[in-house]
């Protein structure tokens, strides 16, 4: 059953869209999503029907296209669920279209969550389901908590969903990590810890995928503190044999100027006193000075895990 009556929920959604009520949780993002759901996608806020769920064959086809993503995310999904399972949450991973391609849930709670629509193969795009955690991340490319009556459809007003985007090394969105509960306190502040855990876990998945996709490159693992370089590196930079930077993770791009365009390592760091390829062979930690700010970054270097693919043969001109 919905958390509020269908009529009450419909009236609240319309009043917020028309400006007669303040935005839910003072969030313009939610009202914009409600407006698109109602006016652009013509969805019914009073609907109590659950999400569309793919058939087994359809799901296998989607999962087959996401094999590398699933491989990079599995351990993080399990770890996140282990941290929040005591509070009766499930953890879901969607692809870039909002299809749930993997999830973690206690076996004895599976039917209850499935009844609420939280199930593998369920589809959570805004076009189909309106405002919800996964849909809002797909649309706005930013983390969010959609709590109970923040949802557009009455069917989902018992749920609370915290979700965060996951990006490829190219910057393209590849999926969304979501933690959802069927029952939770009314106060949305109760979701603060889960929200942070989801964001952290999404970053770990993103970095795991980054390392998988750049295995043919040299990798710089960096941190502002020498003590965290091994245990918890934040900065990941992939570069080729000549030192040309091929990709950098989000933390690197946010904290180091100049990584938003093709660069050579020597343009970013003062490497005059160190040979990075030698560092990789000794597995030592080195201090690198950032040219832009003079700050130090402590780093170790990993040699390529696999060889780069040879260039494709040129077709004969004719």
Protein backbone atom coordinates (compact mmCIF):
# COMPACT_ATOMS: atom_id res chain seq x y z
CA UNK A 1 0.00 0.00 0.00
CA UNK A 2 1.20 3.60 -0.64
CA UNK A 3 2.56 5.56 2.30
CA UNK A 4 -0.12 8.25 1.67
CA UNK A 5 -3.49 8.08 -0.08
CA UNK A 6 -3.45 8.30 -3.87
CA UNK A 7 -5.61 11.43 -3.84
CA UNK A 8 -3.43 13.15 -1.26
CA UNK A 9 -0.28 12.34 -3.21
CA UNK A 10 -1.75 13.56 -6.53
CA UNK A 11 -2.82 16.84 -4.92
CA UNK A 12 0.63 17.37 -3.40
CA UNK A 13 2.46 16.71 -6.66
CA UNK A 14 0.22 19.08 -8.63
CA UNK A 15 0.46 21.80 -5.98
CA UNK A 16 4.27 21.63 -5.99
CA UNK A 17 4.44 21.72 -9.80
CA UNK A 18 2.10 24.74 -9.87
CA UNK A 19 4.07 26.51 -7.15
CA UNK A 20 1.30 26.39 -4.54
CA UNK A 21 3.45 24.25 -2.22
CA UNK A 22 7.19 24.50 -1.52
CA UNK A 23 9.51 22.03 -3.23
CA UNK A 24 9.81 18.72 -1.39
CA UNK A 25 12.89 18.84 0.83
CA UNK A 26 13.51 22.32 -0.64
CA UNK A 27 14.88 20.57 -3.73
CA UNK A 28 14.29 22.16 -7.14
CA UNK A 29 15.67 18.91 -8.63
CA UNK A 30 12.68 16.99 -7.31
CA UNK A 31 10.11 19.50 -8.55
CA UNK A 32 11.76 19.58 -12.00
CA UNK A 33 11.55 15.80 -12.10
CA UNK A 34 7.91 15.83 -10.97
CA UNK A 35 7.17 18.35 -13.71
CA UNK A 36 8.83 16.25 -16.43
CA UNK A 37 7.10 13.12 -15.15
CA UNK A 38 3.69 14.79 -15.25
CA UNK A 39 3.89 17.07 -18.28
CA UNK A 40 6.49 15.46 -20.56
CA UNK A 41 6.01 11.76 -19.87
CA UNK A 42 2.29 11.93 -18.96
CA UNK A 43 2.72 9.61 -15.97
CA UNK A 44 0.03 9.16 -13.34
CA UNK A 45 1.19 10.18 -9.83
CA UNK A 46 -1.63 8.12 -8.33
CA UNK A 47 -0.46 4.87 -9.94
CA UNK A 48 0.14 1.97 -7.56
CA UNK A 49 1.55 -0.35 -10.24
CA UNK A 50 5.18 -1.46 -9.81
CA UNK A 51 7.97 -1.02 -12.38
CA UNK A 52 8.37 -2.96 -15.59
CA UNK A 53 10.59 -6.02 -15.13
CA UNK A 54 12.59 -7.55 -17.97
CA UNK A 55 12.18 -11.20 -18.89
CA UNK A 56 15.08 -13.53 -18.07
CA UNK A 57 16.19 -13.51 -21.71
CA UNK A 58 16.05 -9.72 -21.93
CA UNK A 59 18.00 -9.37 -18.69
CA UNK A 60 20.72 -11.79 -19.84
CA UNK A 61 21.14 -9.77 -23.02
CA UNK A 62 21.54 -6.52 -21.06
CA UNK A 63 23.93 -8.12 -18.55
CA UNK A 64 26.01 -9.55 -21.38
CA UNK A 65 26.73 -6.03 -22.60
CA UNK A 66 27.80 -4.96 -19.10
CA UNK A 67 30.18 -7.80 -18.25
CA UNK A 68 33.16 -5.56 -17.39
CA UNK A 69 30.98 -3.25 -15.31
CA UNK A 70 29.47 -6.17 -13.38
CA UNK A 71 32.91 -7.65 -12.77
CA UNK A 72 34.18 -4.35 -11.33
CA UNK A 73 31.17 -3.84 -9.07
CA UNK A 74 30.43 -7.23 -7.47
CA UNK A 75 32.61 -6.96 -4.36
CA UNK A 76 31.53 -3.39 -3.64
CA UNK A 77 27.85 -4.33 -3.85
CA UNK A 78 28.37 -7.14 -1.37
CA UNK A 79 30.41 -4.93 0.97
CA UNK A 80 27.86 -2.11 0.91
CA UNK A 81 24.99 -4.51 1.58
CA UNK A 82 26.88 -6.04 4.49
CA UNK A 83 27.16 -2.58 6.06
CA UNK A 84 23.47 -1.65 5.74
CA UNK A 85 21.63 -4.97 5.74
CA UNK A 86 20.90 -4.71 9.49
CA UNK A 87 18.71 -1.68 8.65
CA UNK A 88 16.84 -3.78 6.04
CA UNK A 89 18.19 -2.24 2.82
CA UNK A 90 18.74 -3.81 -0.55
CA UNK A 91 21.51 -2.67 -2.90
CA UNK A 92 20.91 -2.35 -6.63
CA UNK A 93 23.14 -1.62 -9.61
CA UNK A 94 21.56 -0.24 -12.76
CA UNK A 95 22.96 0.31 -16.22
CA UNK A 96 22.90 3.71 -17.93
CA UNK A 97 19.25 3.16 -18.93
CA UNK A 98 17.97 2.43 -15.42
CA UNK A 99 17.73 -1.36 -15.74
CA UNK A 100 18.71 -3.21 -12.54
CA UNK A 101 21.49 -5.56 -13.67
CA UNK A 102 22.68 -6.75 -10.24
CA UNK A 103 21.49 -6.55 -6.64
CA UNK A 104 22.13 -7.76 -3.11
CA UNK A 105 19.40 -8.60 -0.63
CA UNK A 106 18.87 -11.00 2.25
CA UNK A 107 17.24 -14.12 0.84
CA UNK A 108 14.42 -14.14 3.40
CA UNK A 109 13.49 -10.56 2.43
CA UNK A 110 13.54 -11.09 -1.31
CA UNK A 111 9.77 -11.48 -1.80
CA UNK A 112 8.92 -8.35 0.19
CA UNK A 113 11.38 -6.24 -1.80
CA UNK A 114 10.22 -7.80 -5.07
CA UNK A 115 6.64 -6.88 -4.22
CA UNK A 116 7.83 -3.27 -3.82
CA UNK A 117 9.49 -3.37 -7.26
CA UNK A 118 13.05 -3.66 -5.93
CA UNK A 119 14.18 -6.60 -8.01
CA UNK A 120 16.76 -7.54 -10.60
CA UNK A 121 15.60 -6.64 -14.10
CA UNK A 122 13.34 -3.82 -12.87
CA UNK A 123 13.39 -0.63 -14.97
CA UNK A 124 13.74 2.74 -13.24
CA UNK A 125 14.05 5.39 -15.95
CA UNK A 126 12.26 8.67 -15.38
CA UNK A 127 10.33 8.17 -18.61
CA UNK A 128 8.77 4.99 -17.19
CA UNK A 129 8.61 5.52 -13.42
CA UNK A 130 8.99 9.22 -12.83
CA UNK A 131 10.91 10.63 -9.90
CA UNK A 132 12.97 8.02 -8.02
CA UNK A 133 16.59 7.64 -6.93
CA UNK A 134 17.98 5.94 -10.03
CA UNK A 135 15.95 8.08 -12.47
CA UNK A 136 17.10 11.34 -10.92
CA UNK A 137 20.75 10.31 -11.05
CA UNK A 138 20.38 9.27 -14.70
CA UNK A 139 18.88 12.67 -15.47
CA UNK A 140 21.02 14.99 -13.33
CA UNK A 141 24.26 12.95 -13.12
CA UNK A 142 24.52 13.71 -9.40
CA UNK A 143 23.87 11.78 -6.15
CA UNK A 144 20.48 12.12 -4.47
CA UNK A 145 18.21 10.73 -1.78
CA UNK A 146 14.57 10.37 -2.85
CA UNK A 147 12.69 9.81 0.38
CA UNK A 148 9.15 8.41 0.60
CA UNK A 149 6.72 11.04 -0.78
CA UNK A 150 9.53 12.57 -2.88
CA UNK A 151 8.72 9.75 -5.33
CA UNK A 152 6.40 10.68 -8.19
CA UNK A 153 4.30 7.52 -8.18
CA UNK A 154 2.13 6.72 -5.17
CA UNK A 155 3.29 3.09 -5.46
CA UNK A 156 6.79 4.04 -4.27
CA UNK A 157 5.98 6.44 -1.43
CA UNK A 158 6.94 3.85 1.19
CA UNK A 159 10.46 3.64 -0.21
CA UNK A 160 13.60 5.58 0.53
CA UNK A 161 16.33 5.47 -2.12
CA UNK A 162 19.87 6.88 -2.04
CA UNK A 163 21.66 6.70 -5.38
CA UNK A 164 24.93 7.83 -6.94
CA UNK A 165 26.30 7.87 -10.51
CA UNK A 166 29.18 5.74 -11.80
CA UNK A 167 31.24 7.05 -14.72
CA UNK A 168 33.63 5.46 -17.21
CA UNK A 169 37.19 6.81 -17.66
CA UNK A 170 35.85 8.70 -20.69
CA UNK A 171 33.42 10.59 -18.46
CA UNK A 172 30.40 8.75 -19.84
CA UNK A 173 27.76 7.58 -17.35
CA UNK A 174 27.77 3.78 -17.18
CA UNK A 175 25.40 3.11 -14.28
CA UNK A 176 23.90 3.96 -10.92
CA UNK A 177 24.40 2.47 -7.47
CA UNK A 178 21.29 2.55 -5.28
CA UNK A 179 20.45 1.53 -1.70
CA UNK A 180 16.72 1.27 -0.96
CA UNK A 181 14.58 0.42 2.04
CA UNK A 182 10.90 -0.43 2.16
CA UNK A 183 10.41 1.02 5.64
CA UNK A 184 12.39 3.84 7.22
CA UNK A 185 11.93 6.80 9.60
CA UNK A 186 9.92 9.74 8.27
CA UNK A 187 12.82 12.15 8.86
CA UNK A 188 14.88 12.25 5.66
CA UNK A 189 17.97 13.14 7.74
CA UNK A 190 17.90 9.50 8.84
CA UNK A 191 19.31 8.66 5.39
CA UNK A 192 22.48 10.73 5.74
CA UNK A 193 24.81 7.86 6.60
CA UNK A 194 23.44 5.54 3.90
CA UNK A 195 23.72 8.36 1.36
CA UNK A 196 27.43 8.81 2.17
CA UNK A 197 28.10 5.06 2.06
CA UNK A 198 26.46 4.83 -1.37
CA UNK A 199 28.56 7.71 -2.69
CA UNK A 200 31.77 6.16 -1.36
CA UNK A 201 30.88 2.74 -2.77
CA UNK A 202 30.05 4.25 -6.18
CA UNK A 203 33.51 5.87 -6.23
CA UNK A 204 35.14 2.52 -5.42
CA UNK A 205 33.24 0.83 -8.26
CA UNK A 206 34.20 3.65 -10.59
CA UNK A 207 37.88 3.31 -9.69
CA UNK A 208 37.74 -0.48 -10.06
CA UNK A 209 36.23 -0.10 -13.52
CA UNK A 210 38.87 2.54 -14.34
CA UNK A 211 41.70 0.15 -13.47
CA UNK A 212 40.10 -2.65 -15.47
CA UNK A 213 39.66 -0.47 -18.56
CA UNK A 214 43.18 0.97 -18.39
CA UNK A 215 45.04 -2.27 -17.64
CA UNK A 216 47.22 -1.79 -20.73
CA UNK A 217 48.57 1.53 -19.34
CA UNK A 218 50.96 2.56 -16.63
CA UNK A 219 48.98 3.73 -13.58
CA UNK A 220 49.91 6.41 -11.06
CA UNK A 221 48.24 5.82 -7.66
CA UNK A 222 48.36 9.00 -5.57
CA UNK A 223 47.33 10.57 -2.28
CA UNK A 224 48.15 13.78 -0.42
CA UNK A 225 49.33 11.66 2.50
CA UNK A 226 52.16 9.17 2.11
CA UNK A 227 50.42 6.86 4.59
CA UNK A 228 47.36 6.32 2.37
CA UNK A 229 49.02 5.71 -0.99
CA UNK A 230 48.99 1.94 -0.53
CA UNK A 231 45.78 1.47 1.43
CA UNK A 232 43.46 4.08 -0.06
CA UNK A 233 44.79 5.96 -3.10
CA UNK A 234 42.43 8.71 -4.29
CA UNK A 235 44.14 9.84 -7.47
CA UNK A 236 44.42 7.48 -10.44
CA UNK A 237 46.16 8.58 -13.63
CA UNK A 238 46.72 6.27 -16.61
CA UNK A 239 49.56 7.07 -19.01
CA UNK A 240 51.35 5.43 -21.90
CA UNK A 241 54.99 4.39 -22.33
CA UNK A 242 55.94 7.92 -23.38
CA UNK A 243 54.23 9.62 -20.43
CA UNK A 244 51.19 10.87 -22.30
CA UNK A 245 48.14 10.88 -19.99
CA UNK A 246 45.36 8.66 -21.31
CA UNK A 247 42.79 9.01 -18.52
CA UNK A 248 42.32 10.23 -14.94
CA UNK A 249 39.69 9.36 -12.37
CA UNK A 250 37.22 11.93 -11.07
CA UNK A 251 39.17 12.69 -7.89
CA UNK A 252 42.27 13.43 -9.96
CA UNK A 253 40.34 15.73 -12.28
CA UNK A 254 38.75 17.55 -9.35
CA UNK A 255 41.98 18.08 -7.42
CA UNK A 256 44.64 18.51 -10.13
CA UNK A 257 44.44 21.33 -12.66
CA UNK A 258 45.05 20.53 -16.31
CA UNK A 259 43.70 16.98 -16.49
CA UNK A 260 40.62 18.02 -18.47
CA UNK A 261 42.63 17.97 -21.72
CA UNK A 262 45.41 15.81 -23.22
CA UNK A 263 48.60 16.33 -21.27
CA UNK A 264 52.03 14.83 -20.67
CA UNK A 265 52.95 13.87 -17.10
CA UNK A 266 55.81 16.39 -17.21
CA UNK A 267 53.27 19.18 -17.71
CA UNK A 268 51.45 18.21 -14.51
CA UNK A 269 54.30 17.07 -12.25
CA UNK A 270 57.92 18.03 -11.78
CA UNK A 271 59.51 14.68 -12.60
CA UNK A 272 63.04 15.98 -13.20
CA UNK A 273 64.46 14.00 -10.27
CA UNK A 274 62.61 10.73 -10.82
CA UNK A 275 62.11 8.14 -13.55
CA UNK A 276 58.58 6.85 -13.14
CA UNK A 277 59.23 3.60 -14.98
CA UNK A 278 61.99 2.82 -12.48
CA UNK A 279 59.60 3.61 -9.63
CA UNK A 280 57.25 0.93 -10.96
CA UNK A 281 60.01 -1.67 -10.88
CA UNK A 282 60.99 -0.90 -7.27
CA UNK A 283 57.40 -0.41 -6.02
CA UNK A 284 58.58 2.57 -3.99
CA UNK A 285 56.54 5.65 -3.03
CA UNK A 286 57.76 8.96 -4.46
CA UNK A 287 56.87 12.59 -3.78
CA UNK A 288 55.82 14.51 -6.89
CA UNK A 289 55.45 18.28 -6.93
CA UNK A 290 52.45 19.66 -8.81
CA UNK A 291 53.61 22.34 -11.22
CA UNK A 292 50.37 24.37 -10.92
CA UNK A 293 50.32 24.73 -7.13
CA UNK A 294 53.61 23.45 -5.75
CA UNK A 295 51.74 20.96 -3.56
CA UNK A 296 53.10 17.47 -3.09
CA UNK A 297 51.40 14.27 -4.19
CA UNK A 298 52.74 10.95 -2.93
CA UNK A 299 52.52 8.21 -5.50
CA UNK A 300 53.47 4.74 -6.59
CA UNK A 301 53.46 3.47 -10.16
CA UNK A 302 52.06 0.22 -11.53
CA UNK A 303 53.35 -1.21 -14.78
CA UNK A 304 50.79 -2.32 -17.41
CA UNK A 305 48.89 -5.47 -16.45
CA UNK A 306 48.44 -6.45 -20.10
CA UNK A 307 49.91 -5.33 -23.36
CA UNK A 308 48.19 -2.68 -25.40
CA UNK A 309 46.46 -3.99 -28.48
CA UNK A 310 48.58 -3.62 -31.60
CA UNK A 311 47.39 -1.01 -34.10
CA UNK A 312 45.02 -2.36 -36.75
CA UNK A 313 46.72 -3.02 -40.11
CA UNK A 314 46.14 -0.31 -42.66
CA UNK A 315 44.01 -1.34 -45.60
CA UNK A 316 45.80 -1.17 -48.93
CA UNK A 317 45.02 1.98 -50.82
CA UNK A 318 43.44 1.40 -54.04
